[in-house]
C-alpha atoms as a PDB file:
ATOM      1  CA  UNK A   1      16.479 -29.745   0.294  1.00  0.00           C
ATOM      2  CA  UNK A   2      16.412 -27.208   3.147  1.00  0.00           C
ATOM      3  CA  UNK A   3      14.928 -28.712   6.303  1.00  0.00           C
ATOM      4  CA  UNK A   4      16.586 -27.280   9.381  1.00  0.00           C
ATOM      5  CA  UNK A   5      15.054 -24.141  10.865  1.00  0.00           C
ATOM      6  CA  UNK A   6      17.450 -21.991  12.858  1.00  0.00           C
ATOM      7  CA  UNK A   7      16.586 -18.866  14.855  1.00  0.00           C
ATOM      8  CA  UNK A   8      18.677 -16.897  12.384  1.00  0.00           C
ATOM      9  CA  UNK A   9      16.837 -18.000   9.247  1.00  0.00           C
ATOM     10  CA  UNK A  10      13.475 -17.458  10.960  1.00  0.00           C
ATOM     11  CA  UNK A  11      14.643 -13.931  11.743  1.00  0.00           C
ATOM     12  CA  UNK A  12      15.703 -13.505   8.105  1.00  0.00           C
ATOM     13  CA  UNK A  13      12.240 -14.530   6.915  1.00  0.00           C
ATOM     14  CA  UNK A  14      10.727 -11.832   9.133  1.00  0.00           C
ATOM     15  CA  UNK A  15      12.980  -9.250   7.498  1.00  0.00           C
ATOM     16  CA  UNK A  16      12.013 -10.488   4.042  1.00  0.00           C
ATOM     17  CA  UNK A  17       8.319 -10.341   4.907  1.00  0.00           C
ATOM     18  CA  UNK A  18       8.661  -6.694   5.915  1.00  0.00           C
ATOM     19  CA  UNK A  19      10.463  -5.936   2.662  1.00  0.00           C
ATOM     20  CA  UNK A  20       8.040  -7.765   0.354  1.00  0.00           C
ATOM     21  CA  UNK A  21       4.747  -6.962   2.138  1.00  0.00           C
ATOM     22  CA  UNK A  22       2.945 -10.083   0.830  1.00  0.00           C
ATOM     23  CA  UNK A  23      -0.710  -9.828  -0.119  1.00  0.00           C
ATOM     24  CA  UNK A  24      -2.650 -12.443   1.859  1.00  0.00           C
ATOM     25  CA  UNK A  25      -6.177 -13.427   0.855  1.00  0.00           C
ATOM     26  CA  UNK A  26      -8.170 -14.488   3.889  1.00  0.00           C
ATOM     27  CA  UNK A  27     -11.304 -16.592   3.636  1.00  0.00           C
ATOM     28  CA  UNK A  28     -11.852 -16.856   7.337  1.00  0.00           C
ATOM     29  CA  UNK A  29     -14.530 -16.945   9.994  1.00  0.00           C
ATOM     30  CA  UNK A  30     -16.676 -13.976  10.888  1.00  0.00           C
ATOM     31  CA  UNK A  31     -15.501 -13.940  14.501  1.00  0.00           C
ATOM     32  CA  UNK A  32     -11.843 -13.246  13.697  1.00  0.00           C
ATOM     33  CA  UNK A  33     -11.808 -11.184  10.496  1.00  0.00           C
ATOM     34  CA  UNK A  34     -10.827  -7.868  12.076  1.00  0.00           C
ATOM     35  CA  UNK A  35      -8.159  -9.350  14.355  1.00  0.00           C
ATOM     36  CA  UNK A  36      -6.640 -11.357  11.509  1.00  0.00           C
ATOM     37  CA  UNK A  37      -6.396  -8.289   9.284  1.00  0.00           C
ATOM     38  CA  UNK A  38      -4.799  -6.265  12.073  1.00  0.00           C
ATOM     39  CA  UNK A  39      -2.267  -9.018  12.809  1.00  0.00           C
ATOM     40  CA  UNK A  40      -1.163  -9.067   9.164  1.00  0.00           C
ATOM     41  CA  UNK A  41      -0.917  -5.278   9.033  1.00  0.00           C
ATOM     42  CA  UNK A  42       1.060  -5.144  12.280  1.00  0.00           C
ATOM     43  CA  UNK A  43       3.539  -7.703  10.991  1.00  0.00           C
ATOM     44  CA  UNK A  44       4.009  -5.926   7.669  1.00  0.00           C
ATOM     45  CA  UNK A  45       1.783  -7.926   5.305  1.00  0.00           C
ATOM     46  CA  UNK A  46      -1.310  -6.768   3.421  1.00  0.00           C
ATOM     47  CA  UNK A  47      -4.675  -8.446   4.179  1.00  0.00           C
ATOM     48  CA  UNK A  48      -7.442  -8.941   1.618  1.00  0.00           C
ATOM     49  CA  UNK A  49     -10.705 -10.406   2.898  1.00  0.00           C
ATOM     50  CA  UNK A  50     -11.943 -11.643  -0.490  1.00  0.00           C
ATOM     51  CA  UNK A  51     -14.411 -14.475   0.152  1.00  0.00           C
ATOM     52  CA  UNK A  52     -17.143 -13.979  -2.454  1.00  0.00           C
ATOM     53  CA  UNK A  53     -17.699 -16.564  -5.194  1.00  0.00           C
ATOM     54  CA  UNK A  54     -16.529 -15.439  -8.654  1.00  0.00           C
ATOM     55  CA  UNK A  55     -14.050 -13.088  -6.943  1.00  0.00           C
ATOM     56  CA  UNK A  56     -12.291 -15.549  -4.657  1.00  0.00           C
ATOM     57  CA  UNK A  57     -10.823 -17.692  -7.426  1.00  0.00           C
ATOM     58  CA  UNK A  58      -9.312 -14.935  -9.590  1.00  0.00           C
ATOM     59  CA  UNK A  59      -7.935 -13.197  -6.512  1.00  0.00           C
ATOM     60  CA  UNK A  60      -6.245 -16.385  -5.301  1.00  0.00           C
ATOM     61  CA  UNK A  61      -4.327 -16.429  -8.566  1.00  0.00           C
ATOM     62  CA  UNK A  62      -2.755 -13.031  -7.883  1.00  0.00           C
ATOM     63  CA  UNK A  63      -2.404 -13.148  -4.085  1.00  0.00           C
ATOM     64  CA  UNK A  64       0.934 -13.922  -2.468  1.00  0.00           C
ATOM     65  CA  UNK A  65      -0.728 -16.461  -0.159  1.00  0.00           C
ATOM     66  CA  UNK A  66      -4.199 -17.661   0.808  1.00  0.00           C
ATOM     67  CA  UNK A  67      -5.788 -18.670   4.105  1.00  0.00           C
ATOM     68  CA  UNK A  68      -8.878 -20.900   4.179  1.00  0.00           C
ATOM     69  CA  UNK A  69     -10.342 -21.078   7.687  1.00  0.00           C
ATOM     70  CA  UNK A  70     -13.593 -23.054   7.996  1.00  0.00           C
ATOM     71  CA  UNK A  71     -14.719 -21.559  11.300  1.00  0.00           C
ATOM     72  CA  UNK A  72     -18.106 -20.173  10.175  1.00  0.00           C
ATOM     73  CA  UNK A  73     -18.766 -21.895   6.838  1.00  0.00           C
ATOM     74  CA  UNK A  74     -21.962 -20.416   5.433  1.00  0.00           C
ATOM     75  CA  UNK A  75     -22.988 -21.656   1.998  1.00  0.00           C
ATOM     76  CA  UNK A  76     -21.658 -18.774  -0.106  1.00  0.00           C
ATOM     77  CA  UNK A  77     -18.322 -18.786   1.675  1.00  0.00           C
ATOM     78  CA  UNK A  78     -17.999 -22.558   1.270  1.00  0.00           C
ATOM     79  CA  UNK A  79     -18.273 -22.121  -2.483  1.00  0.00           C
ATOM     80  CA  UNK A  80     -15.719 -19.324  -2.397  1.00  0.00           C
ATOM     81  CA  UNK A  81     -13.317 -21.459  -0.364  1.00  0.00           C
ATOM     82  CA  UNK A  82     -13.449 -24.305  -2.850  1.00  0.00           C
ATOM     83  CA  UNK A  83     -13.003 -21.835  -5.691  1.00  0.00           C
ATOM     84  CA  UNK A  84     -10.029 -20.137  -4.026  1.00  0.00           C
ATOM     85  CA  UNK A  85      -8.329 -23.405  -3.089  1.00  0.00           C
ATOM     86  CA  UNK A  86      -8.689 -24.731  -6.629  1.00  0.00           C
ATOM     87  CA  UNK A  87      -7.338 -21.502  -8.107  1.00  0.00           C
ATOM     88  CA  UNK A  88      -4.440 -21.329  -5.649  1.00  0.00           C
ATOM     89  CA  UNK A  89      -3.498 -24.913  -6.450  1.00  0.00           C
ATOM     90  CA  UNK A  90      -3.636 -24.236 -10.187  1.00  0.00           C
ATOM     91  CA  UNK A  91      -1.616 -21.006  -9.923  1.00  0.00           C
ATOM     92  CA  UNK A  92       0.955 -22.327  -7.468  1.00  0.00           C
ATOM     93  CA  UNK A  93      -0.106 -19.852  -4.800  1.00  0.00           C
ATOM     94  CA  UNK A  94       0.724 -21.199  -1.319  1.00  0.00           C
ATOM     95  CA  UNK A  95      -2.381 -21.733   0.748  1.00  0.00           C
ATOM     96  CA  UNK A  96      -3.123 -22.730   4.315  1.00  0.00           C
ATOM     97  CA  UNK A  97      -6.057 -24.782   5.596  1.00  0.00           C
ATOM     98  CA  UNK A  98      -7.277 -24.189   9.160  1.00  0.00           C
ATOM     99  CA  UNK A  99      -9.806 -26.982   9.929  1.00  0.00           C
ATOM    100  CA  UNK A 100     -11.644 -25.260  12.787  1.00  0.00           C
ATOM    101  CA  UNK A 101     -13.779 -27.708  14.807  1.00  0.00           C
ATOM    102  CA  UNK A 102     -13.472 -30.418  12.153  1.00  0.00           C
ATOM    103  CA  UNK A 103     -14.709 -33.777  13.376  1.00  0.00           C
ATOM    104  CA  UNK A 104     -17.292 -32.229  15.673  1.00  0.00           C
ATOM    105  CA  UNK A 105     -19.661 -30.773  13.060  1.00  0.00           C
ATOM    106  CA  UNK A 106     -20.573 -32.370   9.726  1.00  0.00           C
ATOM    107  CA  UNK A 107     -20.647 -29.391   7.322  1.00  0.00           C
ATOM    108  CA  UNK A 108     -17.141 -28.149   8.045  1.00  0.00           C
ATOM    109  CA  UNK A 109     -15.797 -31.690   8.274  1.00  0.00           C
ATOM    110  CA  UNK A 110     -16.978 -32.540   4.787  1.00  0.00           C
ATOM    111  CA  UNK A 111     -15.770 -29.196   3.457  1.00  0.00           C
ATOM    112  CA  UNK A 112     -12.293 -29.574   4.941  1.00  0.00           C
ATOM    113  CA  UNK A 113     -11.895 -33.050   3.499  1.00  0.00           C
ATOM    114  CA  UNK A 114     -13.005 -31.783   0.092  1.00  0.00           C
ATOM    115  CA  UNK A 115     -10.495 -28.935   0.337  1.00  0.00           C
ATOM    116  CA  UNK A 116      -7.686 -31.447   0.846  1.00  0.00           C
ATOM    117  CA  UNK A 117      -8.069 -32.444  -2.807  1.00  0.00           C
ATOM    118  CA  UNK A 118      -6.514 -29.076  -3.709  1.00  0.00           C
ATOM    119  CA  UNK A 119      -3.292 -29.889  -1.853  1.00  0.00           C
ATOM    120  CA  UNK A 120      -2.828 -27.198   0.807  1.00  0.00           C
ATOM    121  CA  UNK A 121       0.725 -26.026   1.300  1.00  0.00           C
ATOM    122  CA  UNK A 122       0.244 -26.114   5.058  1.00  0.00           C
ATOM    123  CA  UNK A 123      -2.439 -27.245   7.491  1.00  0.00           C
ATOM    124  CA  UNK A 124      -2.655 -25.573  10.902  1.00  0.00           C
ATOM    125  CA  UNK A 125      -4.940 -26.642  13.726  1.00  0.00           C
ATOM    126  CA  UNK A 126      -5.224 -27.789  17.286  1.00  0.00           C
ATOM    127  CA  UNK A 127      -4.418 -31.430  18.105  1.00  0.00           C
ATOM    128  CA  UNK A 128      -8.020 -32.668  18.069  1.00  0.00           C
ATOM    129  CA  UNK A 129      -8.697 -30.993  14.715  1.00  0.00           C
ATOM    130  CA  UNK A 130      -5.604 -32.551  13.166  1.00  0.00           C
ATOM    131  CA  UNK A 131      -6.504 -35.997  14.502  1.00  0.00           C
ATOM    132  CA  UNK A 132     -10.036 -35.658  13.117  1.00  0.00           C
ATOM    133  CA  UNK A 133      -8.867 -34.367   9.726  1.00  0.00           C
ATOM    134  CA  UNK A 134      -6.592 -37.391   9.475  1.00  0.00           C
ATOM    135  CA  UNK A 135      -9.694 -39.500  10.236  1.00  0.00           C
ATOM    136  CA  UNK A 136      -8.130 -40.947  13.369  1.00  0.00           C
ATOM    137  CA  UNK A 137     -10.587 -39.370  15.814  1.00  0.00           C
ATOM    138  CA  UNK A 138     -13.822 -37.434  16.164  1.00  0.00           C
ATOM    139  CA  UNK A 139     -12.566 -33.991  17.166  1.00  0.00           C
ATOM    140  CA  UNK A 140     -12.470 -32.018  20.384  1.00  0.00           C
ATOM    141  CA  UNK A 141     -14.941 -29.950  22.361  1.00  0.00           C
ATOM    142  CA  UNK A 142     -16.164 -27.523  19.716  1.00  0.00           C
ATOM    143  CA  UNK A 143     -13.159 -25.385  18.809  1.00  0.00           C
ATOM    144  CA  UNK A 144     -11.240 -26.540  21.905  1.00  0.00           C
ATOM    145  CA  UNK A 145      -8.763 -29.399  21.813  1.00  0.00           C
ATOM    146  CA  UNK A 146      -9.031 -32.405  24.094  1.00  0.00           C
ATOM    147  CA  UNK A 147      -5.711 -33.848  22.896  1.00  0.00           C
ATOM    148  CA  UNK A 148      -2.072 -32.744  23.153  1.00  0.00           C
ATOM    149  CA  UNK A 149       0.299 -31.977  20.259  1.00  0.00           C
ATOM    150  CA  UNK A 150       2.388 -35.048  21.043  1.00  0.00           C
ATOM    151  CA  UNK A 151      -0.698 -37.289  21.004  1.00  0.00           C
ATOM    152  CA  UNK A 152      -1.472 -35.856  17.554  1.00  0.00           C
ATOM    153  CA  UNK A 153       2.058 -36.411  16.213  1.00  0.00           C
ATOM    154  CA  UNK A 154       1.253 -39.610  14.323  1.00  0.00           C
ATOM    155  CA  UNK A 155      -1.923 -38.127  12.854  1.00  0.00           C
ATOM    156  CA  UNK A 156      -0.033 -35.009  11.773  1.00  0.00           C
ATOM    157  CA  UNK A 157       2.675 -37.075  10.100  1.00  0.00           C
ATOM    158  CA  UNK A 158       0.069 -39.226   8.332  1.00  0.00           C
ATOM    159  CA  UNK A 159      -1.802 -36.130   7.159  1.00  0.00           C
ATOM    160  CA  UNK A 160       1.418 -34.533   5.928  1.00  0.00           C
ATOM    161  CA  UNK A 161       2.424 -37.603   3.951  1.00  0.00           C
ATOM    162  CA  UNK A 162      -1.019 -38.052   2.408  1.00  0.00           C
ATOM    163  CA  UNK A 163      -1.434 -34.398   1.358  1.00  0.00           C
ATOM    164  CA  UNK A 164       2.107 -33.167   0.826  1.00  0.00           C
ATOM    165  CA  UNK A 165       1.463 -30.330   3.278  1.00  0.00           C
ATOM    166  CA  UNK A 166       3.433 -29.213   6.278  1.00  0.00           C
ATOM    167  CA  UNK A 167       1.199 -29.733   9.306  1.00  0.00           C
ATOM    168  CA  UNK A 168       1.387 -27.431  12.329  1.00  0.00           C
ATOM    169  CA  UNK A 169      -0.202 -28.614  15.573  1.00  0.00           C
ATOM    170  CA  UNK A 170      -0.741 -25.915  18.187  1.00  0.00           C
ATOM    171  CA  UNK A 171      -0.210 -26.363  21.912  1.00  0.00           C
ATOM    172  CA  UNK A 172       2.088 -25.509  24.790  1.00  0.00           C
ATOM    173  CA  UNK A 173       4.872 -26.738  22.510  1.00  0.00           C
ATOM    174  CA  UNK A 174       3.858 -26.419  18.862  1.00  0.00           C
ATOM    175  CA  UNK A 175       4.685 -29.362  16.606  1.00  0.00           C
ATOM    176  CA  UNK A 176       5.311 -28.864  12.884  1.00  0.00           C
ATOM    177  CA  UNK A 177       5.980 -31.812  10.576  1.00  0.00           C
ATOM    178  CA  UNK A 178       6.205 -32.788   6.923  1.00  0.00           C
ATOM    179  CA  UNK A 179       5.759 -36.447   7.774  1.00  0.00           C
ATOM    180  CA  UNK A 180       9.488 -37.140   7.829  1.00  0.00           C
ATOM    181  CA  UNK A 181      10.970 -34.262   9.802  1.00  0.00           C
ATOM    182  CA  UNK A 182       9.546 -32.513  12.865  1.00  0.00           C
ATOM    183  CA  UNK A 183      10.246 -29.103  14.394  1.00  0.00           C
ATOM    184  CA  UNK A 184       9.002 -28.079  17.839  1.00  0.00           C
ATOM    185  CA  UNK A 185       8.533 -24.481  18.938  1.00  0.00           C
ATOM    186  CA  UNK A 186       8.364 -23.926  22.696  1.00  0.00           C
ATOM    187  CA  UNK A 187       7.614 -20.195  22.630  1.00  0.00           C
ATOM    188  CA  UNK A 188       4.165 -18.733  23.267  1.00  0.00           C
ATOM    189  CA  UNK A 189       1.820 -17.837  26.099  1.00  0.00           C
ATOM    190  CA  UNK A 190      -1.547 -19.044  27.394  1.00  0.00           C
ATOM    191  CA  UNK A 191      -3.089 -15.594  26.852  1.00  0.00           C
ATOM    192  CA  UNK A 192      -3.172 -16.371  23.127  1.00  0.00           C
ATOM    193  CA  UNK A 193      -5.977 -18.813  23.948  1.00  0.00           C
ATOM    194  CA  UNK A 194      -7.943 -16.056  25.708  1.00  0.00           C
ATOM    195  CA  UNK A 195      -8.203 -13.777  22.679  1.00  0.00           C
ATOM    196  CA  UNK A 196     -10.629 -14.483  19.835  1.00  0.00           C
ATOM    197  CA  UNK A 197      -8.557 -15.161  16.748  1.00  0.00           C
ATOM    198  CA  UNK A 198      -5.354 -15.959  18.600  1.00  0.00           C
ATOM    199  CA  UNK A 199      -4.973 -19.218  16.725  1.00  0.00           C
ATOM    200  CA  UNK A 200      -6.821 -18.325  13.536  1.00  0.00           C
ATOM    201  CA  UNK A 201      -4.639 -15.315  12.728  1.00  0.00           C
ATOM    202  CA  UNK A 202      -1.582 -17.557  12.797  1.00  0.00           C
ATOM    203  CA  UNK A 203      -2.908 -19.285   9.684  1.00  0.00           C
ATOM    204  CA  UNK A 204      -2.793 -15.960   7.833  1.00  0.00           C
ATOM    205  CA  UNK A 205       0.737 -15.275   9.079  1.00  0.00           C
ATOM    206  CA  UNK A 206       1.744 -18.741   7.894  1.00  0.00           C
ATOM    207  CA  UNK A 207       0.394 -17.988   4.417  1.00  0.00           C
ATOM    208  CA  UNK A 208       2.396 -14.764   4.379  1.00  0.00           C
ATOM    209  CA  UNK A 209       5.660 -16.480   5.323  1.00  0.00           C
ATOM    210  CA  UNK A 210       5.090 -19.351   2.897  1.00  0.00           C
ATOM    211  CA  UNK A 211       4.954 -16.835   0.053  1.00  0.00           C
ATOM    212  CA  UNK A 212       8.650 -16.117   0.647  1.00  0.00           C
ATOM    213  CA  UNK A 213      10.037 -19.604  -0.064  1.00  0.00           C
ATOM    214  CA  UNK A 214      10.398 -21.973  -2.983  1.00  0.00           C
ATOM    215  CA  UNK A 215       7.061 -23.826  -3.387  1.00  0.00           C
ATOM    216  CA  UNK A 216       8.893 -26.823  -4.841  1.00  0.00           C
ATOM    217  CA  UNK A 217      11.176 -27.257  -1.814  1.00  0.00           C
ATOM    218  CA  UNK A 218       9.371 -29.279   0.893  1.00  0.00           C
ATOM    219  CA  UNK A 219      12.082 -28.535   3.404  1.00  0.00           C
ATOM    220  CA  UNK A 220      11.781 -24.802   2.871  1.00  0.00           C
ATOM    221  CA  UNK A 221       8.007 -25.080   3.267  1.00  0.00           C
ATOM    222  CA  UNK A 222       8.415 -26.928   6.559  1.00  0.00           C
ATOM    223  CA  UNK A 223      10.917 -24.354   7.822  1.00  0.00           C
ATOM    224  CA  UNK A 224       8.695 -21.438   6.769  1.00  0.00           C
ATOM    225  CA  UNK A 225       5.655 -22.961   8.475  1.00  0.00           C
ATOM    226  CA  UNK A 226       7.635 -23.336  11.682  1.00  0.00           C
ATOM    227  CA  UNK A 227       9.146 -19.853  11.312  1.00  0.00           C
ATOM    228  CA  UNK A 228       5.664 -18.322  11.162  1.00  0.00           C
ATOM    229  CA  UNK A 229       4.795 -20.070  14.424  1.00  0.00           C
ATOM    230  CA  UNK A 230       8.056 -18.926  15.997  1.00  0.00           C
ATOM    231  CA  UNK A 231       7.656 -15.258  15.067  1.00  0.00           C
ATOM    232  CA  UNK A 232       4.045 -15.275  16.227  1.00  0.00           C
ATOM    233  CA  UNK A 233       4.715 -16.947  19.559  1.00  0.00           C
ATOM    234  CA  UNK A 234       7.776 -14.838  20.383  1.00  0.00           C
ATOM    235  CA  UNK A 235       5.589 -11.751  19.935  1.00  0.00           C
ATOM    236  CA  UNK A 236       2.981 -13.354  22.218  1.00  0.00           C
ATOM    237  CA  UNK A 237       5.527 -13.938  24.975  1.00  0.00           C
ATOM    238  CA  UNK A 238       6.719 -10.344  24.816  1.00  0.00           C
ATOM    239  CA  UNK A 239       3.150  -9.030  24.807  1.00  0.00           C
ATOM    240  CA  UNK A 240       2.175 -11.155  27.801  1.00  0.00           C
ATOM    241  CA  UNK A 241       4.988  -9.638  29.853  1.00  0.00           C
ATOM    242  CA  UNK A 242       3.336  -6.223  29.452  1.00  0.00           C
ATOM    243  CA  UNK A 243      -0.311  -7.308  29.723  1.00  0.00           C
ATOM    244  CA  UNK A 244      -2.676  -7.256  32.699  1.00  0.00           C
ATOM    245  CA  UNK A 245      -5.120  -9.676  31.049  1.00  0.00           C
ATOM    246  CA  UNK A 246      -6.652 -10.682  27.700  1.00  0.00           C
ATOM    247  CA  UNK A 247      -7.823  -7.184  26.738  1.00  0.00           C
ATOM    248  CA  UNK A 248      -4.490  -5.465  27.143  1.00  0.00           C
ATOM    249  CA  UNK A 249      -2.717  -8.532  25.758  1.00  0.00           C
ATOM    250  CA  UNK A 250      -4.496  -8.154  22.401  1.00  0.00           C
ATOM    251  CA  UNK A 251      -3.306  -4.556  22.110  1.00  0.00           C
ATOM    252  CA  UNK A 252       0.232  -5.338  23.230  1.00  0.00           C
ATOM    253  CA  UNK A 253       0.347  -8.316  20.877  1.00  0.00           C
ATOM    254  CA  UNK A 254      -0.328  -6.133  17.828  1.00  0.00           C
ATOM    255  CA  UNK A 255       2.283  -3.658  19.045  1.00  0.00           C
ATOM    256  CA  UNK A 256       4.842  -6.418  19.558  1.00  0.00           C
ATOM    257  CA  UNK A 257       4.222  -7.869  16.112  1.00  0.00           C
ATOM    258  CA  UNK A 258       4.785  -4.405  14.693  1.00  0.00           C
ATOM    259  CA  UNK A 259       7.992  -3.718  16.624  1.00  0.00           C
ATOM    260  CA  UNK A 260       9.459  -7.227  16.546  1.00  0.00           C
ATOM    261  CA  UNK A 261      12.899  -7.329  14.961  1.00  0.00           C
ATOM    262  CA  UNK A 262      15.097 -10.081  13.630  1.00  0.00           C
ATOM    263  CA  UNK A 263      17.551  -9.893  16.519  1.00  0.00           C
ATOM    264  CA  UNK A 264      14.782 -10.451  19.079  1.00  0.00           C
ATOM    265  CA  UNK A 265      13.412 -13.449  17.187  1.00  0.00           C
ATOM    266  CA  UNK A 266      16.861 -15.011  17.024  1.00  0.00           C
ATOM    267  CA  UNK A 267      17.527 -14.308  20.699  1.00  0.00           C
ATOM    268  CA  UNK A 268      14.188 -15.511  22.078  1.00  0.00           C
ATOM    269  CA  UNK A 269      13.658 -18.621  19.910  1.00  0.00           C
ATOM    270  CA  UNK A 270      13.238 -21.963  21.635  1.00  0.00           C
ATOM    271  CA  UNK A 271      13.377 -24.659  18.965  1.00  0.00           C
ATOM    272  CA  UNK A 272      13.730 -28.425  19.213  1.00  0.00           C
END
């Protein structure tokens, strides 16, 4: 079982993503749809915003990876999310759950817990969302966390063991665990939190990277989940160095994702 993530194999996954151009189905919130699609395109993947019932399920069976983000869960989209998650699980398509604001609001909380029955490959959220999804807390302040990644470590490990998913907890130092092993990524920049979709788009990138590894190898899934975070946050650091504020950061971030190469990922990685 492959567990250890090195800067070099994260860089290799970036190269493979560019070669394979995975098709990522995104059932995501209305606020971040455009940014998420542009992030995938910049990185070298292909976005498909297919979130309509009767279409979402069949598409999940042919997509390379699927993102389910519960940020704005209107009724039709909720049905499509359940359909897509069930189809992805049945087809063996890797899929990522982003439990936006779970614990704070009842509709999305119930939906996210129902989605867990379909065994997400990875779960990505802020510390308060992960704690709430593990039913160890009541969530943060809307979409904002009131907890740290380290304070969510036990909840993340519990959630990983109970679902079989790799769980990524975002923060100053991102924490990614499968319940037995933990990887920390210390790259990134605060400007990611000042751009709508800065966190949500990472779920789509994670789905893209997960499509490159053996779905039956938990260690490879953990490493791929962490590699997605690493690639994303290295690009954010480079973009922040060129940016004057959130507006220019968003533009530079897309450019950096597009131009990022394997050597830069390997050189800039800060893993623990």
